[in-house]
N, C-alpha and C. Protein backbone atom coordinates (compact mmCIF):
# COMPACT_ATOMS: atom_id res chain seq x y z
N ASP A 1 121.29 111.56 31.72
CA ASP A 1 122.44 111.26 30.89
C ASP A 1 123.51 112.31 31.14
N PHE A 2 124.67 111.88 31.52
CA PHE A 2 125.74 112.80 31.87
C PHE A 2 126.74 113.04 30.75
N ARG A 3 127.05 112.01 29.99
CA ARG A 3 128.22 112.09 29.11
C ARG A 3 127.94 112.15 27.62
N SER A 4 126.71 112.02 27.16
CA SER A 4 126.43 112.03 25.72
C SER A 4 126.80 113.39 25.12
N PRO A 5 127.60 113.39 24.06
CA PRO A 5 127.97 114.66 23.42
C PRO A 5 126.73 115.42 22.93
N GLY A 6 126.68 116.69 23.26
CA GLY A 6 125.59 117.54 22.82
C GLY A 6 124.38 117.57 23.72
N THR A 7 124.00 116.43 24.29
CA THR A 7 122.79 116.38 25.11
C THR A 7 123.05 116.04 26.57
N GLY A 8 124.20 115.50 26.88
CA GLY A 8 124.49 115.10 28.24
C GLY A 8 124.67 116.29 29.18
N LEU A 9 124.47 116.04 30.45
CA LEU A 9 124.58 117.10 31.46
C LEU A 9 125.95 117.79 31.41
N TYR A 10 127.03 117.02 31.36
CA TYR A 10 128.36 117.62 31.39
C TYR A 10 128.62 118.50 30.18
N ASP A 11 127.94 118.24 29.08
CA ASP A 11 128.12 119.01 27.86
C ASP A 11 127.27 120.29 27.85
N ASN A 12 126.44 120.45 28.86
CA ASN A 12 125.51 121.58 28.88
C ASN A 12 125.58 122.39 30.17
N LEU A 13 126.75 122.47 30.73
CA LEU A 13 126.91 123.21 31.99
C LEU A 13 127.69 124.52 31.82
N GLN A 14 127.87 124.97 30.59
CA GLN A 14 128.67 126.17 30.34
C GLN A 14 128.16 127.38 31.12
N GLU A 15 126.85 127.53 31.22
CA GLU A 15 126.26 128.70 31.86
C GLU A 15 126.45 128.72 33.37
N TYR A 16 126.98 127.64 33.94
CA TYR A 16 127.20 127.58 35.37
C TYR A 16 128.55 128.17 35.80
N GLY A 17 129.40 128.47 34.84
CA GLY A 17 130.70 129.06 35.16
C GLY A 17 131.61 128.14 35.95
N LEU A 18 131.61 126.87 35.59
CA LEU A 18 132.43 125.88 36.30
C LEU A 18 133.83 125.80 35.71
N PRO A 19 134.83 125.48 36.54
CA PRO A 19 136.18 125.31 36.00
C PRO A 19 136.31 124.06 35.13
N TYR A 20 135.47 123.04 35.38
CA TYR A 20 135.39 121.81 34.60
C TYR A 20 134.02 121.21 34.91
N PRO A 21 133.41 120.48 33.99
CA PRO A 21 132.03 120.03 34.17
C PRO A 21 131.77 119.22 35.44
N GLU A 22 132.69 118.34 35.80
CA GLU A 22 132.49 117.49 36.96
C GLU A 22 132.52 118.26 38.28
N ALA A 23 132.94 119.52 38.23
CA ALA A 23 132.99 120.35 39.44
C ALA A 23 131.60 120.49 40.07
N ILE A 24 130.56 120.35 39.26
CA ILE A 24 129.19 120.47 39.78
C ILE A 24 128.95 119.45 40.90
N PHE A 25 129.68 118.32 40.89
CA PHE A 25 129.53 117.28 41.90
C PHE A 25 130.78 117.11 42.76
N ASP A 26 131.69 118.05 42.71
CA ASP A 26 132.94 117.98 43.47
C ASP A 26 132.73 118.64 44.83
N LEU A 27 132.92 117.89 45.91
CA LEU A 27 132.66 118.41 47.26
C LEU A 27 133.56 119.59 47.61
N ASP A 28 134.83 119.55 47.21
CA ASP A 28 135.73 120.67 47.49
C ASP A 28 135.27 121.93 46.77
N PHE A 29 134.83 121.78 45.51
CA PHE A 29 134.30 122.93 44.77
C PHE A 29 133.02 123.44 45.43
N TYR A 30 132.17 122.53 45.84
CA TYR A 30 130.91 122.91 46.50
C TYR A 30 131.17 123.73 47.76
N ARG A 31 132.16 123.33 48.51
CA ARG A 31 132.48 124.07 49.75
C ARG A 31 132.89 125.50 49.45
N ARG A 32 133.53 125.72 48.31
CA ARG A 32 133.95 127.07 47.91
C ARG A 32 132.82 127.84 47.23
N ASN A 33 131.99 127.10 46.47
CA ASN A 33 130.95 127.76 45.69
C ASN A 33 129.74 126.82 45.54
N PRO A 34 128.82 126.83 46.48
CA PRO A 34 127.68 125.91 46.41
C PRO A 34 126.60 126.32 45.41
N LYS A 35 126.63 127.55 44.92
CA LYS A 35 125.53 128.05 44.08
C LYS A 35 125.28 127.23 42.81
N PRO A 36 126.31 126.79 42.05
CA PRO A 36 126.01 126.00 40.85
C PRO A 36 125.26 124.70 41.15
N PHE A 37 125.68 124.00 42.19
CA PHE A 37 125.00 122.74 42.54
C PHE A 37 123.57 123.01 43.01
N GLN A 38 123.40 124.05 43.81
CA GLN A 38 122.06 124.39 44.30
C GLN A 38 121.13 124.77 43.13
N ARG A 39 121.67 125.47 42.17
CA ARG A 39 120.89 125.84 40.99
C ARG A 39 120.48 124.60 40.20
N LEU A 40 121.44 123.68 40.01
CA LEU A 40 121.13 122.45 39.29
C LEU A 40 120.04 121.66 40.02
N CYS A 41 120.14 121.55 41.33
CA CYS A 41 119.12 120.84 42.11
C CYS A 41 117.75 121.49 41.94
N LYS A 42 117.71 122.79 41.95
CA LYS A 42 116.44 123.50 41.76
C LYS A 42 115.85 123.18 40.40
N GLU A 43 116.70 123.10 39.37
CA GLU A 43 116.22 122.80 38.02
C GLU A 43 115.74 121.36 37.89
N LEU A 44 116.37 120.44 38.64
CA LEU A 44 116.02 119.02 38.56
C LEU A 44 114.93 118.63 39.56
N TRP A 45 114.52 119.55 40.41
CA TRP A 45 113.59 119.25 41.50
C TRP A 45 112.32 118.59 40.98
N PRO A 46 111.82 117.59 41.69
CA PRO A 46 110.56 116.95 41.27
C PRO A 46 109.45 117.97 41.07
N GLY A 47 108.67 117.74 40.04
CA GLY A 47 107.60 118.65 39.68
C GLY A 47 107.95 119.47 38.45
N ASN A 48 109.25 119.57 38.15
CA ASN A 48 109.67 120.31 36.97
C ASN A 48 109.58 119.48 35.69
N PHE A 49 109.48 118.16 35.84
CA PHE A 49 109.41 117.25 34.70
C PHE A 49 108.29 116.25 34.93
N ALA A 50 107.70 115.78 33.86
CA ALA A 50 106.62 114.80 33.94
C ALA A 50 107.16 113.40 33.62
N PRO A 51 106.59 112.38 34.24
CA PRO A 51 106.98 111.01 33.90
C PRO A 51 106.73 110.73 32.42
N SER A 52 107.57 109.87 31.87
CA SER A 52 107.45 109.49 30.46
C SER A 52 106.52 108.27 30.32
N PRO A 53 106.16 107.92 29.10
CA PRO A 53 105.38 106.68 28.90
C PRO A 53 106.06 105.45 29.52
N THR A 54 107.38 105.43 29.51
CA THR A 54 108.09 104.30 30.13
C THR A 54 107.85 104.24 31.62
N HIS A 55 107.83 105.38 32.30
CA HIS A 55 107.54 105.39 33.73
C HIS A 55 106.14 104.84 34.00
N TYR A 56 105.19 105.26 33.17
CA TYR A 56 103.81 104.76 33.34
C TYR A 56 103.70 103.28 32.98
N PHE A 57 104.56 102.81 32.09
CA PHE A 57 104.59 101.39 31.77
C PHE A 57 105.04 100.59 32.99
N PHE A 58 106.05 101.08 33.71
CA PHE A 58 106.48 100.42 34.96
C PHE A 58 105.31 100.34 35.94
N LYS A 59 104.55 101.43 36.04
CA LYS A 59 103.39 101.46 36.94
C LYS A 59 102.35 100.45 36.49
N LEU A 60 102.10 100.35 35.19
CA LEU A 60 101.16 99.37 34.67
C LEU A 60 101.60 97.94 35.00
N LEU A 61 102.89 97.67 34.81
CA LEU A 61 103.41 96.34 35.16
C LEU A 61 103.21 96.06 36.65
N HIS A 62 103.43 97.05 37.48
CA HIS A 62 103.19 96.90 38.93
C HIS A 62 101.71 96.61 39.19
N ASP A 63 100.83 97.38 38.59
CA ASP A 63 99.40 97.20 38.80
C ASP A 63 98.92 95.80 38.38
N LYS A 64 99.59 95.22 37.40
CA LYS A 64 99.23 93.88 36.91
C LYS A 64 99.97 92.77 37.65
N GLY A 65 100.79 93.16 38.67
CA GLY A 65 101.51 92.17 39.45
C GLY A 65 102.70 91.56 38.74
N LYS A 66 103.22 92.25 37.73
CA LYS A 66 104.32 91.72 36.91
C LYS A 66 105.67 92.37 37.21
N LEU A 67 105.69 93.34 38.08
CA LEU A 67 106.94 94.07 38.34
C LEU A 67 107.45 93.75 39.74
N ARG A 68 108.69 93.36 39.81
CA ARG A 68 109.30 93.12 41.12
C ARG A 68 110.09 94.32 41.60
N ARG A 69 110.79 94.99 40.68
CA ARG A 69 111.68 96.07 41.08
C ARG A 69 112.05 96.87 39.84
N VAL A 70 112.32 98.14 40.02
CA VAL A 70 112.85 99.00 38.97
C VAL A 70 114.21 99.49 39.45
N PHE A 71 115.23 99.28 38.66
CA PHE A 71 116.58 99.77 38.95
C PHE A 71 116.84 100.97 38.04
N THR A 72 117.28 102.07 38.62
CA THR A 72 117.52 103.27 37.83
C THR A 72 118.78 103.98 38.27
N GLN A 73 119.41 104.65 37.34
CA GLN A 73 120.53 105.54 37.65
C GLN A 73 120.07 106.99 37.68
N ASN A 74 118.80 107.22 37.38
CA ASN A 74 118.27 108.58 37.37
C ASN A 74 117.97 109.06 38.79
N ILE A 75 118.10 110.35 39.01
CA ILE A 75 117.87 110.91 40.34
C ILE A 75 116.59 111.72 40.39
N ASP A 76 115.81 111.72 39.32
CA ASP A 76 114.68 112.64 39.18
C ASP A 76 113.39 112.21 39.88
N SER A 77 113.32 111.00 40.41
CA SER A 77 112.14 110.50 41.12
C SER A 77 110.91 110.39 40.24
N LEU A 78 111.07 110.30 38.94
CA LEU A 78 109.93 110.20 38.05
C LEU A 78 109.22 108.85 38.15
N GLU A 79 109.91 107.85 38.66
CA GLU A 79 109.27 106.55 38.86
C GLU A 79 108.14 106.69 39.89
N THR A 80 108.44 107.31 41.02
CA THR A 80 107.39 107.47 42.04
C THR A 80 106.38 108.54 41.63
N ALA A 81 106.79 109.51 40.84
CA ALA A 81 105.84 110.52 40.35
C ALA A 81 104.78 109.87 39.45
N SER A 82 105.12 108.74 38.83
CA SER A 82 104.15 108.03 38.00
C SER A 82 103.19 107.19 38.83
N GLY A 83 103.45 107.10 40.13
CA GLY A 83 102.59 106.33 41.01
C GLY A 83 103.19 105.02 41.46
N LEU A 84 104.40 104.72 41.03
CA LEU A 84 105.06 103.49 41.45
C LEU A 84 105.48 103.62 42.92
N PRO A 85 105.22 102.62 43.76
CA PRO A 85 105.63 102.71 45.16
C PRO A 85 107.15 102.83 45.30
N ALA A 86 107.60 103.70 46.17
CA ALA A 86 109.03 103.96 46.36
C ALA A 86 109.81 102.71 46.75
N ASP A 87 109.17 101.79 47.45
CA ASP A 87 109.90 100.59 47.89
C ASP A 87 110.23 99.65 46.73
N LEU A 88 109.69 99.90 45.54
CA LEU A 88 110.02 99.08 44.37
C LEU A 88 111.12 99.71 43.53
N VAL A 89 111.55 100.91 43.89
CA VAL A 89 112.55 101.63 43.10
C VAL A 89 113.90 101.54 43.79
N VAL A 90 114.90 101.04 43.06
CA VAL A 90 116.27 101.02 43.54
C VAL A 90 117.00 102.12 42.75
N ALA A 91 117.28 103.22 43.42
CA ALA A 91 117.95 104.35 42.78
C ALA A 91 119.44 104.25 43.06
N ALA A 92 120.20 103.84 42.06
CA ALA A 92 121.63 103.57 42.24
C ALA A 92 122.39 104.78 42.75
N HIS A 93 121.99 105.98 42.36
CA HIS A 93 122.69 107.18 42.75
C HIS A 93 121.88 108.04 43.71
N GLY A 94 120.83 107.44 44.29
CA GLY A 94 119.93 108.21 45.14
C GLY A 94 118.94 108.97 44.29
N ASN A 95 117.99 109.61 44.93
CA ASN A 95 117.02 110.43 44.21
C ASN A 95 116.39 111.41 45.19
N PHE A 96 115.43 112.15 44.73
CA PHE A 96 114.81 113.15 45.58
C PHE A 96 113.79 112.54 46.53
N ASP A 97 113.50 111.24 46.42
CA ASP A 97 112.58 110.57 47.34
C ASP A 97 113.24 110.32 48.69
N GLU A 98 114.55 110.19 48.69
CA GLU A 98 115.26 109.78 49.91
C GLU A 98 115.61 110.96 50.77
């Protein structure tokens, strides 16, 4: 979640010393200062978070032959971490599997 007040990513980037929250994904800013983006990637790297019950529910649906595809805007790869085959996950913004 990027934009939710109080909990969204953009609302919680103060410690990165960015000129504006979206700078974390701005290529021109990255070229001048890649450290904030690299730090964020390290924090989001697979293995730092566990799949939720919803991720395991997707896996259960797959195991029962009821799931055709999972579409996600998340980049955390928690779908495949739950055991779901990567070819069933459509990651709209990419993820760490690719």
